[in-house]
Amino acid sequence: MDRSRGGHEGLERAALSGAEEALAKQNLGATQRIRQRLFSVAADYTTTAAWSAIDARQMDRASHLLGRALYLAGLAKDPVAEMRVWNSYAMLAHHRDEFTEAVDAGYAAQGTSIARPHEISPRRLLPGLDHPCARHHGRPRVGRPLPHGMESLVTAVGLDIRHFGTEDLTEIRRTIIDLHAAATGPDRDDDFKKKFPWFVDHWGGKEGYVCVIAYDDETPVGFAYGAPLDEGREWWREYVREVPEKHRTFAFSELAVHPSKRKQGVSDMLTRALFENRPEDLAVLLVDVTHPRVQSLYERWGFKKVGERRPFPDSPVYAVMLAELPLR
């Protein structure tokens, strides 16, 4: 992009409006193939908005938009959209003089299925990667981490995220229970864990219940579900001094990923799919206080601990975590 000319806010707004329109059309009962195509269109529009932000020298904004675009490209299962995002990220890193990250992004673009058959070199994607700062003893210094969440998201690309509601509970109930058992493992064979099927039925019967399940081909590998809380009766109110003016809340009840798919970005993809286009203002969840790494994962998405709660006499003590929507 032209560093001297600067960006065009109108272009960014128009591109993001196009992305929102494509995502809104998913509510019209489209088939899975059409849904994936709409995700692809939204990814392309969001990448265009990121290019405009790069041109305007709004680098943090561009990084955020590219993370969003990569997520949408993953839902679309579109390698062309994926490669375009990584090419754009390489350009962003180049403008920041972060030459090692530019190389990393180039190799990520090279790793997409659309690029592999043609053996595209990262330096053909961005010739400026030959900068001496990007090389070490004649080889690219690949290894610095990519922006937060982007490296894991690219490994989750290819999964099929399917959406379900209350009317689908009979169909998905056993899948949820089996995945939860695999995720918690034999070490969690206590009485509270044995009550999980009751929680599945309890949440599945709530108005507005939503569940997303990730499939690798036809094998389920993770799920997330929740439902809106009754407005004015949100239980998290007792943990805050002042209730926000906008307080419609979606309760994030469960997230589980099969052990074989952990550390591959599946949790991130499921969570963002669950919260896609939610109309609520806030999200709330509970996380076992003995699992600080899980709490850190939620903090990464914008959740903040506001208190502790033991909802049942035989349950663990949980951290009460609240976040503004949309998530980071």
C-alpha atoms as a PDB file:
ATOM      1  CA  MET A   1       0.000   0.000   0.000  1.00  0.00           C
ATOM      2  CA  ASP A   2       1.043   3.618  -0.426  1.00  0.00           C
ATOM      3  CA  ARG A   3       2.541   4.852   2.853  1.00  0.00           C
ATOM      4  CA  SER A   4       2.386   8.497   1.824  1.00  0.00           C
ATOM      5  CA  ARG A   5      -1.236   8.552   0.674  1.00  0.00           C
ATOM      6  CA  GLY A   6      -2.859   6.886   3.680  1.00  0.00           C
ATOM      7  CA  GLY A   7      -6.009   4.787   3.958  1.00  0.00           C
ATOM      8  CA  HIS A   8      -9.618   5.301   3.100  1.00  0.00           C
ATOM      9  CA  GLU A   9     -12.077   5.033   5.997  1.00  0.00           C
ATOM     10  CA  GLY A  10     -14.982   4.842   3.568  1.00  0.00           C
ATOM     11  CA  LEU A  11     -13.508   1.719   1.981  1.00  0.00           C
ATOM     12  CA  GLU A  12     -13.103   0.033   5.360  1.00  0.00           C
ATOM     13  CA  ARG A  13     -16.669   0.872   6.376  1.00  0.00           C
ATOM     14  CA  ALA A  14     -18.057  -0.364   3.066  1.00  0.00           C
ATOM     15  CA  ALA A  15     -16.066  -3.604   3.291  1.00  0.00           C
ATOM     16  CA  LEU A  16     -17.182  -4.307   6.850  1.00  0.00           C
ATOM     17  CA  SER A  17     -20.768  -3.527   5.875  1.00  0.00           C
ATOM     18  CA  GLY A  18     -20.481  -6.101   3.098  1.00  0.00           C
ATOM     19  CA  ALA A  19     -19.132  -8.671   5.570  1.00  0.00           C
ATOM     20  CA  GLU A  20     -21.999  -8.025   7.975  1.00  0.00           C
ATOM     21  CA  GLU A  21     -24.532  -8.365   5.151  1.00  0.00           C
ATOM     22  CA  ALA A  22     -23.038 -11.713   4.090  1.00  0.00           C
ATOM     23  CA  LEU A  23     -23.171 -13.028   7.653  1.00  0.00           C
ATOM     24  CA  ALA A  24     -26.732 -11.767   8.140  1.00  0.00           C
ATOM     25  CA  LYS A  25     -27.880 -13.806   5.144  1.00  0.00           C
ATOM     26  CA  GLN A  26     -26.980 -16.950   7.090  1.00  0.00           C
ATOM     27  CA  ASN A  27     -30.110 -16.391   9.136  1.00  0.00           C
ATOM     28  CA  LEU A  28     -32.273 -17.036   6.061  1.00  0.00           C
ATOM     29  CA  GLY A  29     -32.017 -20.811   6.358  1.00  0.00           C
ATOM     30  CA  ALA A  30     -29.183 -21.342   3.856  1.00  0.00           C
ATOM     31  CA  THR A  31     -27.716 -24.787   3.122  1.00  0.00           C
ATOM     32  CA  GLN A  32     -24.295 -25.705   4.507  1.00  0.00           C
ATOM     33  CA  ARG A  33     -22.681 -25.094   1.107  1.00  0.00           C
ATOM     34  CA  ILE A  34     -24.230 -21.635   0.855  1.00  0.00           C
ATOM     35  CA  ARG A  35     -23.256 -20.883   4.459  1.00  0.00           C
ATOM     36  CA  GLN A  36     -19.628 -21.688   3.676  1.00  0.00           C
ATOM     37  CA  ARG A  37     -19.749 -19.466   0.610  1.00  0.00           C
ATOM     38  CA  LEU A  38     -21.147 -16.612   2.688  1.00  0.00           C
ATOM     39  CA  PHE A  39     -18.356 -17.081   5.238  1.00  0.00           C
ATOM     40  CA  SER A  40     -15.890 -16.883   2.346  1.00  0.00           C
ATOM     41  CA  VAL A  41     -17.442 -13.628   1.100  1.00  0.00           C
ATOM     42  CA  ALA A  42     -17.312 -12.189   4.627  1.00  0.00           C
ATOM     43  CA  ALA A  43     -13.660 -13.228   4.941  1.00  0.00           C
ATOM     44  CA  ASP A  44     -12.783 -11.452   1.682  1.00  0.00           C
ATOM     45  CA  TYR A  45     -14.589  -8.280   2.707  1.00  0.00           C
ATOM     46  CA  THR A  46     -12.891  -8.295   6.126  1.00  0.00           C
ATOM     47  CA  THR A  47      -9.470  -8.785   4.526  1.00  0.00           C
ATOM     48  CA  THR A  48     -10.187  -5.789   2.280  1.00  0.00           C
ATOM     49  CA  ALA A  49     -11.024  -3.733   5.365  1.00  0.00           C
ATOM     50  CA  ALA A  50      -7.707  -4.830   6.886  1.00  0.00           C
ATOM     51  CA  TRP A  51      -5.821  -3.669   3.791  1.00  0.00           C
ATOM     52  CA  SER A  52      -7.464  -0.274   4.145  1.00  0.00           C
ATOM     53  CA  ALA A  53      -6.399  -0.136   7.793  1.00  0.00           C
ATOM     54  CA  ILE A  54      -2.812  -1.003   6.798  1.00  0.00           C
ATOM     55  CA  ASP A  55      -2.870   1.817   4.273  1.00  0.00           C
ATOM     56  CA  ALA A  56      -4.097   4.175   6.997  1.00  0.00           C
ATOM     57  CA  ARG A  57      -1.207   3.030   9.239  1.00  0.00           C
ATOM     58  CA  GLN A  58      -3.698   1.658  11.785  1.00  0.00           C
ATOM     59  CA  MET A  59      -1.656  -1.463  12.385  1.00  0.00           C
ATOM     60  CA  ASP A  60      -3.382  -2.752  15.530  1.00  0.00           C
ATOM     61  CA  ARG A  61      -6.739  -2.334  13.836  1.00  0.00           C
ATOM     62  CA  ALA A  62      -5.459  -4.226  10.792  1.00  0.00           C
ATOM     63  CA  SER A  63      -4.148  -7.059  12.956  1.00  0.00           C
ATOM     64  CA  HIS A  64      -7.538  -7.401  14.655  1.00  0.00           C
ATOM     65  CA  LEU A  65      -9.350  -7.488  11.313  1.00  0.00           C
ATOM     66  CA  LEU A  66      -6.989 -10.096   9.883  1.00  0.00           C
ATOM     67  CA  GLY A  67      -7.550 -12.331  12.890  1.00  0.00           C
ATOM     68  CA  ARG A  68     -11.264 -12.038  12.260  1.00  0.00           C
ATOM     69  CA  ALA A  69     -10.806 -12.738   8.544  1.00  0.00           C
ATOM     70  CA  LEU A  70      -8.753 -15.860   9.247  1.00  0.00           C
ATOM     71  CA  TYR A  71     -11.491 -17.159  11.536  1.00  0.00           C
ATOM     72  CA  LEU A  72     -14.124 -16.607   8.819  1.00  0.00           C
ATOM     73  CA  ALA A  73     -11.915 -18.251   6.180  1.00  0.00           C
ATOM     74  CA  GLY A  74     -11.633 -21.274   8.466  1.00  0.00           C
ATOM     75  CA  LEU A  75     -15.399 -21.547   8.769  1.00  0.00           C
ATOM     76  CA  ALA A  76     -15.622 -21.248   4.988  1.00  0.00           C
ATOM     77  CA  LYS A  77     -13.039 -23.989   4.390  1.00  0.00           C
ATOM     78  CA  ASP A  78     -11.704 -21.699   1.670  1.00  0.00           C
ATOM     79  CA  PRO A  79      -7.940 -22.040   1.064  1.00  0.00           C
ATOM     80  CA  VAL A  80      -7.931 -19.080  -1.331  1.00  0.00           C
ATOM     81  CA  ALA A  81      -9.372 -16.813   1.378  1.00  0.00           C
ATOM     82  CA  GLU A  82      -6.883 -18.263   3.899  1.00  0.00           C
ATOM     83  CA  MET A  83      -3.922 -17.534   1.644  1.00  0.00           C
ATOM     84  CA  ARG A  84      -5.131 -13.985   1.016  1.00  0.00           C
ATOM     85  CA  VAL A  85      -5.334 -13.362   4.775  1.00  0.00           C
ATOM     86  CA  TRP A  86      -1.800 -14.668   5.366  1.00  0.00           C
ATOM     87  CA  ASN A  87      -0.468 -12.616   2.442  1.00  0.00           C
ATOM     88  CA  SER A  88      -2.085  -9.552   3.982  1.00  0.00           C
ATOM     89  CA  TYR A  89      -0.592 -10.338   7.365  1.00  0.00           C
ATOM     90  CA  ALA A  90       2.833 -10.669   5.752  1.00  0.00           C
ATOM     91  CA  MET A  91       2.361  -7.185   4.287  1.00  0.00           C
ATOM     92  CA  LEU A  92       1.294  -5.845   7.682  1.00  0.00           C
ATOM     93  CA  ALA A  93       4.401  -7.309   9.330  1.00  0.00           C
ATOM     94  CA  HIS A  94       6.551  -5.857   6.562  1.00  0.00           C
ATOM     95  CA  HIS A  95       5.119  -2.371   7.164  1.00  0.00           C
ATOM     96  CA  ARG A  96       5.915  -2.786  10.851  1.00  0.00           C
ATOM     97  CA  ASP A  97       9.491  -3.843   9.964  1.00  0.00           C
ATOM     98  CA  GLU A  98       8.793  -7.150  11.691  1.00  0.00           C
ATOM     99  CA  PHE A  99      10.577  -9.147   9.038  1.00  0.00           C
ATOM    100  CA  THR A 100      10.712 -12.451  10.885  1.00  0.00           C
ATOM    101  CA  GLU A 101       6.951 -12.415  11.402  1.00  0.00           C
ATOM    102  CA  ALA A 102       6.553 -11.538   7.739  1.00  0.00           C
ATOM    103  CA  VAL A 103       8.489 -14.694   6.851  1.00  0.00           C
ATOM    104  CA  ASP A 104       6.330 -16.731   9.241  1.00  0.00           C
ATOM    105  CA  ALA A 105       3.176 -15.407   7.607  1.00  0.00           C
ATOM    106  CA  GLY A 106       4.596 -16.187   4.175  1.00  0.00           C
ATOM    107  CA  TYR A 107       5.198 -19.770   5.196  1.00  0.00           C
ATOM    108  CA  ALA A 108       1.680 -19.985   6.633  1.00  0.00           C
ATOM    109  CA  ALA A 109       0.363 -18.833   3.244  1.00  0.00           C
ATOM    110  CA  GLN A 110       2.568 -21.438   1.591  1.00  0.00           C
ATOM    111  CA  GLY A 111       1.015 -24.086   3.843  1.00  0.00           C
ATOM    112  CA  THR A 112      -2.533 -23.525   2.576  1.00  0.00           C
ATOM    113  CA  SER A 113      -3.873 -26.238   0.287  1.00  0.00           C
ATOM    114  CA  ILE A 114      -4.263 -23.818  -2.627  1.00  0.00           C
ATOM    115  CA  ALA A 115      -0.542 -22.930  -2.487  1.00  0.00           C
ATOM    116  CA  ARG A 116       1.001 -26.350  -1.823  1.00  0.00           C
ATOM    117  CA  PRO A 117       0.421 -27.835  -5.296  1.00  0.00           C
ATOM    118  CA  HIS A 118       2.249 -24.895  -6.873  1.00  0.00           C
ATOM    119  CA  GLU A 119       5.163 -24.724  -4.390  1.00  0.00           C
ATOM    120  CA  ILE A 120       4.763 -20.984  -3.926  1.00  0.00           C
ATOM    121  CA  SER A 121       7.750 -19.473  -2.118  1.00  0.00           C
ATOM    122  CA  PRO A 122       7.109 -17.010   0.714  1.00  0.00           C
ATOM    123  CA  ARG A 123       9.470 -14.643  -1.074  1.00  0.00           C
ATOM    124  CA  ARG A 124       7.292 -14.730  -4.185  1.00  0.00           C
ATOM    125  CA  LEU A 125       4.387 -13.718  -1.951  1.00  0.00           C
ATOM    126  CA  LEU A 126       6.363 -10.804  -0.549  1.00  0.00           C
ATOM    127  CA  PRO A 127       9.781 -10.121  -2.181  1.00  0.00           C
ATOM    128  CA  GLY A 128      10.763  -7.741   0.622  1.00  0.00           C
ATOM    129  CA  LEU A 129      11.297 -10.751   2.868  1.00  0.00           C
ATOM    130  CA  ASP A 130      14.887 -10.892   1.627  1.00  0.00           C
ATOM    131  CA  HIS A 131      15.634  -8.081   4.089  1.00  0.00           C
ATOM    132  CA  PRO A 132      18.756  -9.127   6.087  1.00  0.00           C
ATOM    133  CA  CYS A 133      16.842  -8.805   9.370  1.00  0.00           C
ATOM    134  CA  ALA A 134      14.634 -11.654   8.243  1.00  0.00           C
ATOM    135  CA  ARG A 135      17.514 -14.071   7.683  1.00  0.00           C
ATOM    136  CA  HIS A 136      19.968 -15.879   9.897  1.00  0.00           C
ATOM    137  CA  HIS A 137      22.962 -17.772   8.465  1.00  0.00           C
ATOM    138  CA  GLY A 138      21.283 -17.783   5.076  1.00  0.00           C
ATOM    139  CA  ARG A 139      17.975 -19.261   6.294  1.00  0.00           C
ATOM    140  CA  PRO A 140      14.699 -17.653   7.363  1.00  0.00           C
ATOM    141  CA  ARG A 141      14.487 -17.244  11.134  1.00  0.00           C
ATOM    142  CA  VAL A 142      11.074 -18.776  11.569  1.00  0.00           C
ATOM    143  CA  GLY A 143       9.920 -19.222  15.128  1.00  0.00           C
ATOM    144  CA  ARG A 144       8.684 -15.974  16.627  1.00  0.00           C
ATOM    145  CA  PRO A 145       5.013 -16.355  17.513  1.00  0.00           C
ATOM    146  CA  LEU A 146       2.367 -14.906  15.230  1.00  0.00           C
ATOM    147  CA  PRO A 147      -0.206 -12.509  16.662  1.00  0.00           C
ATOM    148  CA  HIS A 148      -2.282 -13.915  19.440  1.00  0.00           C
ATOM    149  CA  GLY A 149      -4.569 -16.724  18.334  1.00  0.00           C
ATOM    150  CA  MET A 150      -3.688 -16.638  14.624  1.00  0.00           C
ATOM    151  CA  GLU A 151      -1.247 -19.572  14.678  1.00  0.00           C
ATOM    152  CA  SER A 152      -3.734 -21.847  16.442  1.00  0.00           C
ATOM    153  CA  LEU A 153      -6.624 -20.760  14.233  1.00  0.00           C
ATOM    154  CA  VAL A 154      -4.871 -21.850  11.063  1.00  0.00           C
ATOM    155  CA  THR A 155      -4.481 -25.404  12.430  1.00  0.00           C
ATOM    156  CA  ALA A 156      -8.232 -25.567  13.103  1.00  0.00           C
ATOM    157  CA  VAL A 157      -9.097 -24.659   9.523  1.00  0.00           C
ATOM    158  CA  GLY A 158     -10.976 -27.483   7.814  1.00  0.00           C
ATOM    159  CA  LEU A 159     -13.280 -28.354  10.689  1.00  0.00           C
ATOM    160  CA  ASP A 160     -17.004 -28.186  10.037  1.00  0.00           C
ATOM    161  CA  ILE A 161     -18.842 -26.051  12.628  1.00  0.00           C
ATOM    162  CA  ARG A 162     -22.538 -26.937  12.819  1.00  0.00           C
ATOM    163  CA  HIS A 163     -25.213 -25.009  14.715  1.00  0.00           C
ATOM    164  CA  PHE A 164     -28.024 -26.592  16.710  1.00  0.00           C
ATOM    165  CA  GLY A 165     -30.951 -25.450  18.853  1.00  0.00           C
ATOM    166  CA  THR A 166     -33.410 -26.845  21.377  1.00  0.00           C
ATOM    167  CA  GLU A 167     -35.253 -28.752  18.676  1.00  0.00           C
ATOM    168  CA  ASP A 168     -32.040 -30.695  17.917  1.00  0.00           C
ATOM    169  CA  LEU A 169     -31.279 -31.818  21.481  1.00  0.00           C
ATOM    170  CA  THR A 170     -32.418 -35.404  20.960  1.00  0.00           C
ATOM    171  CA  GLU A 171     -30.086 -35.688  17.969  1.00  0.00           C
ATOM    172  CA  ILE A 172     -26.980 -34.208  19.628  1.00  0.00           C
ATOM    173  CA  ARG A 173     -27.455 -35.220  23.288  1.00  0.00           C
ATOM    174  CA  ARG A 174     -25.312 -38.383  23.172  1.00  0.00           C
ATOM    175  CA  THR A 175     -22.602 -36.593  21.168  1.00  0.00           C
ATOM    176  CA  ILE A 176     -22.334 -33.869  23.828  1.00  0.00           C
ATOM    177  CA  ILE A 177     -22.237 -36.354  26.712  1.00  0.00           C
ATOM    178  CA  ASP A 178     -19.604 -38.553  25.060  1.00  0.00           C
ATOM    179  CA  LEU A 179     -17.384 -35.593  24.158  1.00  0.00           C
ATOM    180  CA  HIS A 180     -17.637 -34.233  27.682  1.00  0.00           C
ATOM    181  CA  ALA A 181     -16.629 -37.615  29.132  1.00  0.00           C
ATOM    182  CA  ALA A 182     -13.626 -37.800  26.796  1.00  0.00           C
ATOM    183  CA  ALA A 183     -12.595 -34.219  27.593  1.00  0.00           C
ATOM    184  CA  THR A 184     -12.811 -34.557  31.389  1.00  0.00           C
ATOM    185  CA  GLY A 185     -11.192 -37.994  31.437  1.00  0.00           C
ATOM    186  CA  PRO A 186     -11.214 -40.693  34.126  1.00  0.00           C
ATOM    187  CA  ASP A 187      -9.676 -38.372  36.735  1.00  0.00           C
ATOM    188  CA  ARG A 188     -12.988 -36.552  36.994  1.00  0.00           C
ATOM    189  CA  ASP A 189     -15.166 -39.520  37.927  1.00  0.00           C
ATOM    190  CA  ASP A 190     -16.982 -37.777  40.796  1.00  0.00           C
ATOM    191  CA  ASP A 191     -20.653 -37.426  41.631  1.00  0.00           C
ATOM    192  CA  PHE A 192     -20.891 -33.920  40.169  1.00  0.00           C
ATOM    193  CA  LYS A 193     -19.509 -35.101  36.807  1.00  0.00           C
ATOM    194  CA  LYS A 194     -22.124 -37.872  36.756  1.00  0.00           C
ATOM    195  CA  LYS A 195     -24.822 -35.164  36.829  1.00  0.00           C
ATOM    196  CA  PHE A 196     -23.682 -33.756  33.484  1.00  0.00           C
ATOM    197  CA  PRO A 197     -26.528 -35.369  31.464  1.00  0.00           C
ATOM    198  CA  TRP A 198     -28.969 -33.478  33.690  1.00  0.00           C
ATOM    199  CA  PHE A 199     -27.213 -30.196  32.828  1.00  0.00           C
ATOM    200  CA  VAL A 200     -27.378 -31.076  29.122  1.00  0.00           C
ATOM    201  CA  ASP A 201     -31.143 -31.472  29.375  1.00  0.00           C
ATOM    202  CA  HIS A 202     -31.527 -28.409  31.612  1.00  0.00           C
ATOM    203  CA  TRP A 203     -29.691 -26.063  29.266  1.00  0.00           C
ATOM    204  CA  GLY A 204     -31.063 -27.716  26.143  1.00  0.00           C
ATOM    205  CA  GLY A 205     -34.567 -26.873  27.275  1.00  0.00           C
ATOM    206  CA  LYS A 206     -33.902 -23.162  27.771  1.00  0.00           C
ATOM    207  CA  GLU A 207     -35.381 -20.627  25.377  1.00  0.00           C
ATOM    208  CA  GLY A 208     -32.728 -19.432  22.944  1.00  0.00           C
ATOM    209  CA  TYR A 209     -30.414 -22.396  23.577  1.00  0.00           C
ATOM    210  CA  VAL A 210     -27.586 -22.613  21.034  1.00  0.00           C
ATOM    211  CA  CYS A 211     -25.012 -25.364  20.592  1.00  0.00           C
ATOM    212  CA  VAL A 212     -22.123 -25.492  18.124  1.00  0.00           C
ATOM    213  CA  ILE A 213     -20.291 -28.743  17.402  1.00  0.00           C
ATOM    214  CA  ALA A 214     -17.017 -29.066  15.487  1.00  0.00           C
ATOM    215  CA  TYR A 215     -16.684 -32.039  13.141  1.00  0.00           C
ATOM    216  CA  ASP A 216     -13.548 -33.451  11.546  1.00  0.00           C
ATOM    217  CA  ASP A 217     -15.223 -35.035   8.524  1.00  0.00           C
ATOM    218  CA  GLU A 218     -18.119 -36.702  10.373  1.00  0.00           C
ATOM    219  CA  THR A 219     -16.329 -37.180  13.700  1.00  0.00           C
ATOM    220  CA  PRO A 220     -17.360 -34.710  16.446  1.00  0.00           C
ATOM    221  CA  VAL A 221     -14.303 -33.240  18.167  1.00  0.00           C
ATOM    222  CA  GLY A 222     -15.674 -30.431  20.342  1.00  0.00           C
ATOM    223  CA  PHE A 223     -18.747 -28.477  21.369  1.00  0.00           C
ATOM    224  CA  ALA A 224     -19.862 -25.295  23.075  1.00  0.00           C
ATOM    225  CA  TYR A 225     -23.320 -24.257  24.212  1.00  0.00           C
ATOM    226  CA  GLY A 226     -25.245 -21.673  26.190  1.00  0.00           C
ATOM    227  CA  ALA A 227     -28.441 -19.646  26.364  1.00  0.00           C
ATOM    228  CA  PRO A 228     -29.629 -16.111  27.167  1.00  0.00           C
ATOM    229  CA  LEU A 229     -30.406 -15.271  30.795  1.00  0.00           C
ATOM    230  CA  ASP A 230     -33.744 -13.742  31.773  1.00  0.00           C
ATOM    231  CA  GLU A 231     -33.346  -9.980  31.493  1.00  0.00           C
ATOM    232  CA  GLY A 232     -33.352  -8.283  34.887  1.00  0.00           C
ATOM    233  CA  ARG A 233     -32.725 -11.568  36.722  1.00  0.00           C
ATOM    234  CA  GLU A 234     -29.091 -12.150  35.780  1.00  0.00           C
ATOM    235  CA  TRP A 235     -27.430 -14.013  38.664  1.00  0.00           C
ATOM    236  CA  TRP A 236     -24.072 -12.290  38.157  1.00  0.00           C
ATOM    237  CA  ARG A 237     -25.516  -8.992  39.454  1.00  0.00           C
ATOM    238  CA  GLU A 238     -24.592  -9.856  43.052  1.00  0.00           C
ATOM    239  CA  TYR A 239     -20.898  -9.863  42.121  1.00  0.00           C
ATOM    240  CA  VAL A 240     -20.636  -6.325  40.715  1.00  0.00           C
ATOM    241  CA  ARG A 241     -21.004  -2.968  42.431  1.00  0.00           C
ATOM    242  CA  GLU A 242     -22.782  -1.296  39.539  1.00  0.00           C
ATOM    243  CA  VAL A 243     -24.853  -3.076  36.915  1.00  0.00           C
ATOM    244  CA  PRO A 244     -23.969  -1.838  33.413  1.00  0.00           C
ATOM    245  CA  GLU A 245     -26.663   0.109  31.593  1.00  0.00           C
ATOM    246  CA  LYS A 246     -26.580  -2.501  28.839  1.00  0.00           C
ATOM    247  CA  HIS A 247     -26.900  -5.821  30.606  1.00  0.00           C
ATOM    248  CA  ARG A 248     -28.600  -8.366  28.343  1.00  0.00           C
ATOM    249  CA  THR A 249     -26.556 -11.491  28.992  1.00  0.00           C
ATOM    250  CA  PHE A 250     -25.711 -14.734  27.230  1.00  0.00           C
ATOM    251  CA  ALA A 251     -24.601 -17.511  29.608  1.00  0.00           C
ATOM    252  CA  PHE A 252     -21.709 -19.543  28.211  1.00  0.00           C
ATOM    253  CA  SER A 253     -22.393 -22.878  29.897  1.00  0.00           C
ATOM    254  CA  GLU A 254     -20.031 -25.498  28.449  1.00  0.00           C
ATOM    255  CA  LEU A 255     -16.986 -25.845  26.228  1.00  0.00           C
ATOM    256  CA  ALA A 256     -15.235 -29.165  25.635  1.00  0.00           C
ATOM    257  CA  VAL A 257     -12.670 -30.360  23.095  1.00  0.00           C
ATOM    258  CA  HIS A 258     -11.550 -33.937  22.525  1.00  0.00           C
ATOM    259  CA  PRO A 259      -7.986 -34.482  23.844  1.00  0.00           C
ATOM    260  CA  SER A 260      -6.768 -35.370  20.332  1.00  0.00           C
ATOM    261  CA  LYS A 261      -7.704 -31.885  19.101  1.00  0.00           C
ATOM    262  CA  ARG A 262      -6.402 -29.708  21.924  1.00  0.00           C
ATOM    263  CA  LYS A 263      -3.961 -26.839  21.301  1.00  0.00           C
ATOM    264  CA  GLN A 264      -5.127 -26.612  17.708  1.00  0.00           C
ATOM    265  CA  GLY A 265      -7.418 -23.586  17.930  1.00  0.00           C
ATOM    266  CA  VAL A 266     -10.641 -25.585  18.246  1.00  0.00           C
ATOM    267  CA  SER A 267     -11.699 -23.877  21.492  1.00  0.00           C
ATOM    268  CA  ASP A 268     -11.250 -20.467  19.896  1.00  0.00           C
ATOM    269  CA  MET A 269     -13.174 -21.439  16.782  1.00  0.00           C
ATOM    270  CA  LEU A 270     -16.063 -22.949  18.778  1.00  0.00           C
ATOM    271  CA  THR A 271     -16.313 -19.945  21.087  1.00  0.00           C
ATOM    272  CA  ARG A 272     -16.341 -17.418  18.262  1.00  0.00           C
ATOM    273  CA  ALA A 273     -18.904 -19.468  16.352  1.00  0.00           C
ATOM    274  CA  LEU A 274     -21.136 -19.615  19.439  1.00  0.00           C
ATOM    275  CA  PHE A 275     -20.990 -15.839  19.913  1.00  0.00           C
ATOM    276  CA  GLU A 276     -21.275 -14.933  16.237  1.00  0.00           C
ATOM    277  CA  ASN A 277     -23.837 -12.118  15.838  1.00  0.00           C
ATOM    278  CA  ARG A 278     -25.198 -12.482  19.379  1.00  0.00           C
ATOM    279  CA  PRO A 279     -27.632  -9.651  20.230  1.00  0.00           C
ATOM    280  CA  GLU A 280     -26.746  -9.593  23.957  1.00  0.00           C
ATOM    281  CA  ASP A 281     -24.491  -7.019  25.593  1.00  0.00           C
ATOM    282  CA  LEU A 282     -22.594  -9.303  27.973  1.00  0.00           C
ATOM    283  CA  ALA A 283     -21.440 -12.894  28.362  1.00  0.00           C
ATOM    284  CA  VAL A 284     -20.982 -14.738  31.648  1.00  0.00           C
ATOM    285  CA  LEU A 285     -19.392 -18.065  32.497  1.00  0.00           C
ATOM    286  CA  LEU A 286     -18.029 -20.118  35.383  1.00  0.00           C
ATOM    287  CA  VAL A 287     -14.580 -21.716  35.423  1.00  0.00           C
ATOM    288  CA  ASP A 288     -13.113 -24.001  38.098  1.00  0.00           C
ATOM    289  CA  VAL A 289     -10.686 -21.936  40.212  1.00  0.00           C
ATOM    290  CA  THR A 290      -8.257 -24.877  40.224  1.00  0.00           C
ATOM    291  CA  HIS A 291      -7.798 -24.467  36.446  1.00  0.00           C
ATOM    292  CA  PRO A 292      -5.892 -21.164  36.055  1.00  0.00           C
ATOM    293  CA  ARG A 293      -4.859 -21.944  32.480  1.00  0.00           C
ATOM    294  CA  VAL A 294      -8.489 -22.238  31.439  1.00  0.00           C
ATOM    295  CA  GLN A 295      -9.205 -18.944  33.176  1.00  0.00           C
ATOM    296  CA  SER A 296      -6.337 -17.355  31.230  1.00  0.00           C
ATOM    297  CA  LEU A 297      -7.875 -18.638  27.996  1.00  0.00           C
ATOM    298  CA  TYR A 298     -11.122 -16.821  28.755  1.00  0.00           C
ATOM    299  CA  GLU A 299      -9.261 -13.678  29.812  1.00  0.00           C
ATOM    300  CA  ARG A 300      -7.706 -13.659  26.358  1.00  0.00           C
ATOM    301  CA  TRP A 301     -11.203 -13.271  24.908  1.00  0.00           C
ATOM    302  CA  GLY A 302     -12.048 -10.373  27.226  1.00  0.00           C
ATOM    303  CA  PHE A 303     -13.575 -12.119  30.254  1.00  0.00           C
ATOM    304  CA  LYS A 304     -12.745 -10.713  33.696  1.00  0.00           C
ATOM    305  CA  LYS A 305     -13.172 -12.404  37.053  1.00  0.00           C
ATOM    306  CA  VAL A 306     -15.739 -10.603  39.209  1.00  0.00           C
ATOM    307  CA  GLY A 307     -16.166 -13.105  42.041  1.00  0.00           C
ATOM    308  CA  GLU A 308     -16.366 -16.754  43.098  1.00  0.00           C
ATOM    309  CA  ARG A 309     -19.391 -19.023  43.298  1.00  0.00           C
ATOM    310  CA  ARG A 310     -20.293 -22.581  44.371  1.00  0.00           C
ATOM    311  CA  PRO A 311     -23.659 -23.141  42.637  1.00  0.00           C
ATOM    312  CA  PHE A 312     -24.285 -26.538  44.259  1.00  0.00           C
ATOM    313  CA  PRO A 313     -23.076 -28.070  47.547  1.00  0.00           C
ATOM    314  CA  ASP A 314     -21.168 -30.823  45.701  1.00  0.00           C
ATOM    315  CA  SER A 315     -19.795 -28.633  42.906  1.00  0.00           C
ATOM    316  CA  PRO A 316     -16.320 -27.100  42.657  1.00  0.00           C
ATOM    317  CA  VAL A 317     -15.752 -23.427  43.480  1.00  0.00           C
ATOM    318  CA  TYR A 318     -15.935 -21.433  40.271  1.00  0.00           C
ATOM    319  CA  ALA A 319     -14.600 -18.067  39.187  1.00  0.00           C
ATOM    320  CA  VAL A 320     -17.439 -15.874  37.900  1.00  0.00           C
ATOM    321  CA  MET A 321     -16.235 -14.246  34.670  1.00  0.00           C
ATOM    322  CA  LEU A 322     -17.969 -11.485  32.736  1.00  0.00           C
ATOM    323  CA  ALA A 323     -17.199 -10.011  29.309  1.00  0.00           C
ATOM    324  CA  GLU A 324     -18.615  -7.370  27.016  1.00  0.00           C
ATOM    325  CA  LEU A 325     -19.824  -8.495  23.600  1.00  0.00           C
ATOM    326  CA  PRO A 326     -18.558  -8.817  20.969  1.00  0.00           C
ATOM    327  CA  LEU A 327     -15.587 -10.758  22.313  1.00  0.00           C
ATOM    328  CA  ARG A 328     -12.062  -9.624  21.522  1.00  0.00           C
END
